[in-house]
Amino acid sequence: MNSNTFMQVSKSELLNIQMIKKVEPSFSGNLIAVMSNGQKVNISRRFVSILKERLGI
């Protein structure tokens, strides 16, 4: 797996960050990533800052 394309977003999930359509706020500092296929994925607080950096937001 290419580490520039995939990243861990919770204890049990990896995401292809190129497939993220949008990111929405959630409870307690978590985020919800809406994927290009419509699936919603919870982003743990622990990984929020890393994801924002990778996405440039």
N, C-alpha and C. Protein backbone atom coordinates (compact mmCIF):
# COMPACT_ATOMS: atom_id res chain seq x y z
N MET A 1 0.83 -1.18 0.00
CA MET A 1 0.00 0.00 0.00
C MET A 1 0.87 1.25 0.00
N ASN A 2 0.44 2.23 -0.73
CA ASN A 2 1.16 3.49 -0.81
C ASN A 2 0.79 4.33 0.41
N SER A 3 1.77 4.74 1.20
CA SER A 3 1.48 5.50 2.41
C SER A 3 1.00 6.92 2.11
N ASN A 4 1.15 7.38 0.87
CA ASN A 4 0.63 8.69 0.50
C ASN A 4 -0.85 8.64 0.15
N THR A 5 -1.36 7.46 -0.13
CA THR A 5 -2.75 7.30 -0.53
C THR A 5 -3.62 6.82 0.63
N PHE A 6 -3.11 5.92 1.45
CA PHE A 6 -3.87 5.34 2.54
C PHE A 6 -3.36 5.86 3.88
N MET A 7 -4.29 6.04 4.81
CA MET A 7 -3.88 6.38 6.17
C MET A 7 -4.85 5.78 7.17
N GLN A 8 -4.34 5.54 8.36
CA GLN A 8 -5.17 5.02 9.44
C GLN A 8 -5.99 6.18 9.99
N VAL A 9 -7.30 5.95 10.20
CA VAL A 9 -8.19 6.99 10.71
C VAL A 9 -8.88 6.60 12.01
N SER A 10 -8.68 5.35 12.43
CA SER A 10 -9.18 4.86 13.72
C SER A 10 -8.41 3.58 14.04
N LYS A 11 -8.72 2.99 15.18
CA LYS A 11 -8.01 1.76 15.55
C LYS A 11 -8.19 0.65 14.53
N SER A 12 -9.34 0.66 13.84
CA SER A 12 -9.65 -0.48 12.97
C SER A 12 -9.85 -0.11 11.50
N GLU A 13 -9.61 1.15 11.11
CA GLU A 13 -9.90 1.52 9.72
C GLU A 13 -8.75 2.26 9.05
N LEU A 14 -8.55 1.91 7.78
CA LEU A 14 -7.65 2.63 6.88
C LEU A 14 -8.52 3.24 5.79
N LEU A 15 -8.12 4.42 5.32
CA LEU A 15 -8.87 5.09 4.26
C LEU A 15 -7.97 5.43 3.09
N ASN A 16 -8.54 5.36 1.91
CA ASN A 16 -7.88 5.90 0.72
C ASN A 16 -8.26 7.37 0.71
N ILE A 17 -7.34 8.25 1.06
CA ILE A 17 -7.69 9.66 1.21
C ILE A 17 -8.02 10.33 -0.12
N GLN A 18 -7.66 9.70 -1.22
CA GLN A 18 -8.00 10.26 -2.52
C GLN A 18 -9.49 10.07 -2.84
N MET A 19 -10.16 9.22 -2.09
CA MET A 19 -11.57 8.94 -2.33
C MET A 19 -12.50 9.75 -1.41
N ILE A 20 -11.93 10.63 -0.57
CA ILE A 20 -12.75 11.45 0.31
C ILE A 20 -13.38 12.57 -0.50
N LYS A 21 -14.71 12.65 -0.42
CA LYS A 21 -15.46 13.68 -1.14
C LYS A 21 -15.57 14.95 -0.29
N LYS A 22 -15.86 14.76 1.02
CA LYS A 22 -15.92 15.90 1.94
C LYS A 22 -15.73 15.41 3.36
N VAL A 23 -15.43 16.36 4.25
CA VAL A 23 -15.21 16.06 5.66
C VAL A 23 -16.16 16.94 6.46
N GLU A 24 -16.86 16.32 7.41
CA GLU A 24 -17.85 17.03 8.23
C GLU A 24 -17.48 16.90 9.70
N PRO A 25 -17.77 17.92 10.51
CA PRO A 25 -17.53 17.80 11.95
C PRO A 25 -18.49 16.80 12.58
N SER A 26 -18.04 16.20 13.66
CA SER A 26 -18.86 15.25 14.41
C SER A 26 -18.74 15.59 15.89
N PHE A 27 -19.19 14.70 16.75
CA PHE A 27 -19.16 14.92 18.19
C PHE A 27 -17.76 14.76 18.76
N SER A 28 -17.49 15.47 19.83
CA SER A 28 -16.27 15.32 20.63
C SER A 28 -14.98 15.49 19.85
N GLY A 29 -14.99 16.30 18.81
CA GLY A 29 -13.76 16.55 18.05
C GLY A 29 -13.48 15.55 16.95
N ASN A 30 -14.34 14.56 16.80
CA ASN A 30 -14.19 13.61 15.70
C ASN A 30 -14.65 14.26 14.40
N LEU A 31 -14.33 13.62 13.29
CA LEU A 31 -14.81 14.05 11.98
C LEU A 31 -15.49 12.88 11.30
N ILE A 32 -16.31 13.19 10.31
CA ILE A 32 -16.92 12.19 9.45
C ILE A 32 -16.41 12.46 8.04
N ALA A 33 -15.81 11.45 7.42
CA ALA A 33 -15.39 11.56 6.03
C ALA A 33 -16.47 10.95 5.17
N VAL A 34 -16.94 11.71 4.20
CA VAL A 34 -17.91 11.20 3.24
C VAL A 34 -17.11 10.79 2.00
N MET A 35 -17.19 9.51 1.68
CA MET A 35 -16.41 8.97 0.59
C MET A 35 -17.12 9.16 -0.74
N SER A 36 -16.41 8.99 -1.83
CA SER A 36 -16.98 9.20 -3.16
C SER A 36 -18.14 8.24 -3.46
N ASN A 37 -18.20 7.11 -2.76
CA ASN A 37 -19.31 6.17 -2.96
C ASN A 37 -20.47 6.44 -2.00
N GLY A 38 -20.38 7.52 -1.20
CA GLY A 38 -21.44 7.89 -0.27
C GLY A 38 -21.29 7.33 1.13
N GLN A 39 -20.38 6.41 1.33
CA GLN A 39 -20.17 5.82 2.65
C GLN A 39 -19.59 6.88 3.59
N LYS A 40 -20.05 6.86 4.85
CA LYS A 40 -19.54 7.77 5.87
C LYS A 40 -18.63 7.00 6.80
N VAL A 41 -17.45 7.57 7.06
CA VAL A 41 -16.45 6.91 7.90
C VAL A 41 -16.07 7.84 9.04
N ASN A 42 -16.09 7.32 10.26
CA ASN A 42 -15.72 8.11 11.44
C ASN A 42 -14.21 8.26 11.51
N ILE A 43 -13.74 9.49 11.73
CA ILE A 43 -12.32 9.77 11.91
C ILE A 43 -12.11 10.04 13.39
N SER A 44 -11.32 9.21 14.04
CA SER A 44 -11.05 9.35 15.45
C SER A 44 -10.30 10.65 15.74
N ARG A 45 -10.58 11.26 16.89
CA ARG A 45 -9.87 12.49 17.32
C ARG A 45 -8.37 12.35 17.20
N ARG A 46 -7.88 11.19 17.51
CA ARG A 46 -6.45 10.93 17.49
C ARG A 46 -5.84 11.18 16.10
N PHE A 47 -6.62 10.99 15.04
CA PHE A 47 -6.11 11.10 13.67
C PHE A 47 -6.58 12.35 12.92
N VAL A 48 -7.41 13.18 13.57
CA VAL A 48 -7.97 14.36 12.91
C VAL A 48 -6.89 15.31 12.42
N SER A 49 -5.94 15.66 13.28
CA SER A 49 -4.91 16.63 12.89
C SER A 49 -4.04 16.09 11.75
N ILE A 50 -3.76 14.81 11.76
CA ILE A 50 -2.95 14.19 10.70
C ILE A 50 -3.71 14.24 9.38
N LEU A 51 -5.00 13.92 9.42
CA LEU A 51 -5.81 13.94 8.21
C LEU A 51 -5.90 15.36 7.65
N LYS A 52 -6.15 16.34 8.51
CA LYS A 52 -6.23 17.72 8.05
C LYS A 52 -4.93 18.16 7.38
N GLU A 53 -3.83 17.77 7.97
CA GLU A 53 -2.52 18.10 7.38
C GLU A 53 -2.36 17.46 6.01
N ARG A 54 -2.71 16.19 5.91
CA ARG A 54 -2.59 15.45 4.64
C ARG A 54 -3.49 16.03 3.55
N LEU A 55 -4.69 16.53 3.96
CA LEU A 55 -5.63 17.09 3.00
C LEU A 55 -5.38 18.58 2.75
N GLY A 56 -4.54 19.18 3.57
CA GLY A 56 -4.25 20.61 3.42
C GLY A 56 -5.39 21.51 3.87
N ILE A 57 -6.10 21.07 4.91
CA ILE A 57 -7.21 21.89 5.43
C ILE A 57 -6.95 22.29 6.87
